Amino acid sequence: MSRTCDICGKHPMHGNRVSKSYNHTRHTWKPNLLKIKTEIGGTTTTLRICTQCLRSDFVTKKVNVHPANVPVAKQN
């Protein structure tokens, strides 16, 4: 399972952290990925997308509504 966004292709970046005394240490920056269930072409699929793609509305989440959580209208 790769750490890559299925929408934009964002992946881990590698480089150096540089301290105030100019010491270099290797570091890996990982994208903030979420597993999101969405409906594509009538079928439900799970995608690994970054939070920026989710905020930009590239994908709409599929939300399951349970009957117990739905407010019931009062009958007179």
C-alpha atoms as a PDB file:
ATOM      1  CA  MET A   1       0.000   0.000   0.000  1.00  0.00           C
ATOM      2  CA  SER A   2       1.702   3.163  -1.182  1.00  0.00           C
ATOM      3  CA  ARG A   3       1.526   6.511   0.569  1.00  0.00           C
ATOM      4  CA  THR A   4       0.270   8.320  -2.506  1.00  0.00           C
ATOM      5  CA  CYS A   5      -2.877  10.379  -3.037  1.00  0.00           C
ATOM      6  CA  ASP A   6      -5.162   8.727  -5.610  1.00  0.00           C
ATOM      7  CA  ILE A   7      -6.331  12.132  -6.923  1.00  0.00           C
ATOM      8  CA  CYS A   8      -3.291  14.445  -7.131  1.00  0.00           C
ATOM      9  CA  GLY A   9      -0.430  11.947  -6.763  1.00  0.00           C
ATOM     10  CA  LYS A  10       1.136  13.614  -3.721  1.00  0.00           C
ATOM     11  CA  HIS A  11       3.803  11.337  -2.217  1.00  0.00           C
ATOM     12  CA  PRO A  12       6.438  11.441   0.566  1.00  0.00           C
ATOM     13  CA  MET A  13       9.217  14.008   0.186  1.00  0.00           C
ATOM     14  CA  HIS A  14      12.795  13.485   1.392  1.00  0.00           C
ATOM     15  CA  GLY A  15      15.317  16.065   2.445  1.00  0.00           C
ATOM     16  CA  ASN A  16      17.293  17.553   5.300  1.00  0.00           C
ATOM     17  CA  ARG A  17      16.168  19.253   8.467  1.00  0.00           C
ATOM     18  CA  VAL A  18      18.508  22.132   9.192  1.00  0.00           C
ATOM     19  CA  SER A  19      18.962  23.313  12.777  1.00  0.00           C
ATOM     20  CA  LYS A  20      20.039  26.773  13.925  1.00  0.00           C
ATOM     21  CA  SER A  21      23.580  25.457  14.230  1.00  0.00           C
ATOM     22  CA  TYR A  22      23.291  24.274  10.610  1.00  0.00           C
ATOM     23  CA  ASN A  23      23.328  20.563  11.465  1.00  0.00           C
ATOM     24  CA  HIS A  24      21.700  18.475   8.752  1.00  0.00           C
ATOM     25  CA  THR A  25      19.622  15.388   9.565  1.00  0.00           C
ATOM     26  CA  ARG A  26      17.660  13.321   7.068  1.00  0.00           C
ATOM     27  CA  HIS A  27      13.869  13.639   7.267  1.00  0.00           C
ATOM     28  CA  THR A  28      10.808  12.332   5.428  1.00  0.00           C
ATOM     29  CA  TRP A  29       7.667  14.463   5.058  1.00  0.00           C
ATOM     30  CA  LYS A  30       4.564  12.331   4.531  1.00  0.00           C
ATOM     31  CA  PRO A  31       1.266  13.582   3.063  1.00  0.00           C
ATOM     32  CA  ASN A  32      -1.821  13.652   5.286  1.00  0.00           C
ATOM     33  CA  LEU A  33      -3.820  10.823   3.682  1.00  0.00           C
ATOM     34  CA  LEU A  34      -7.323   9.651   4.587  1.00  0.00           C
ATOM     35  CA  LYS A  35      -9.298   6.605   3.495  1.00  0.00           C
ATOM     36  CA  ILE A  36     -12.559   7.931   2.049  1.00  0.00           C
ATOM     37  CA  LYS A  37     -15.502   5.903   0.749  1.00  0.00           C
ATOM     38  CA  THR A  38     -16.972   7.460  -2.374  1.00  0.00           C
ATOM     39  CA  GLU A  39     -19.305   6.434  -5.170  1.00  0.00           C
ATOM     40  CA  ILE A  40     -17.772   6.294  -8.641  1.00  0.00           C
ATOM     41  CA  GLY A  41     -19.831   5.031 -11.544  1.00  0.00           C
ATOM     42  CA  GLY A  42     -22.510   3.593  -9.258  1.00  0.00           C
ATOM     43  CA  THR A  43     -20.074   1.471  -7.226  1.00  0.00           C
ATOM     44  CA  THR A  44     -18.679   2.279  -3.799  1.00  0.00           C
ATOM     45  CA  THR A  45     -14.879   2.422  -3.683  1.00  0.00           C
ATOM     46  CA  THR A  46     -12.375   3.376  -1.022  1.00  0.00           C
ATOM     47  CA  LEU A  47      -9.781   5.974  -2.030  1.00  0.00           C
ATOM     48  CA  ARG A  48      -6.676   7.233  -0.243  1.00  0.00           C
ATOM     49  CA  ILE A  49      -6.767  10.985  -0.742  1.00  0.00           C
ATOM     50  CA  CYS A  50      -4.942  13.883   0.876  1.00  0.00           C
ATOM     51  CA  THR A  51      -6.803  16.419   2.982  1.00  0.00           C
ATOM     52  CA  GLN A  52      -6.254  19.196   0.429  1.00  0.00           C
ATOM     53  CA  CYS A  53      -8.125  17.205  -2.239  1.00  0.00           C
ATOM     54  CA  LEU A  54     -10.933  16.539   0.237  1.00  0.00           C
ATOM     55  CA  ARG A  55     -11.207  20.246   1.123  1.00  0.00           C
ATOM     56  CA  SER A  56     -11.148  21.221  -2.560  1.00  0.00           C
ATOM     57  CA  ASP A  57     -14.249  19.056  -3.219  1.00  0.00           C
ATOM     58  CA  PHE A  58     -12.560  16.804  -5.762  1.00  0.00           C
ATOM     59  CA  VAL A  59     -14.354  13.881  -4.077  1.00  0.00           C
ATOM     60  CA  THR A  60     -17.670  13.736  -2.268  1.00  0.00           C
ATOM     61  CA  LYS A  61     -17.856  11.387   0.698  1.00  0.00           C
ATOM     62  CA  LYS A  62     -20.456   8.651   0.739  1.00  0.00           C
ATOM     63  CA  VAL A  63     -22.255   8.905   4.062  1.00  0.00           C
ATOM     64  CA  ASN A  64     -24.271   6.047   5.508  1.00  0.00           C
ATOM     65  CA  VAL A  65     -27.381   7.252   7.332  1.00  0.00           C
ATOM     66  CA  HIS A  66     -28.713   4.768   9.846  1.00  0.00           C
ATOM     67  CA  PRO A  67     -32.444   4.817  10.663  1.00  0.00           C
ATOM     68  CA  ALA A  68     -31.648   5.163  14.385  1.00  0.00           C
ATOM     69  CA  ASN A  69     -29.847   8.472  13.779  1.00  0.00           C
ATOM     70  CA  VAL A  70     -32.564  10.047  11.641  1.00  0.00           C
ATOM     71  CA  PRO A  71     -34.848  12.389  13.608  1.00  0.00           C
ATOM     72  CA  VAL A  72     -38.444  11.196  13.691  1.00  0.00           C
ATOM     73  CA  ALA A  73     -41.215  13.697  12.912  1.00  0.00           C
ATOM     74  CA  LYS A  74     -43.894  13.927  15.595  1.00  0.00           C
ATOM     75  CA  GLN A  75     -47.382  12.902  14.549  1.00  0.00           C
ATOM     76  CA  ASN A  76     -50.455  14.652  15.998  1.00  0.00           C
END
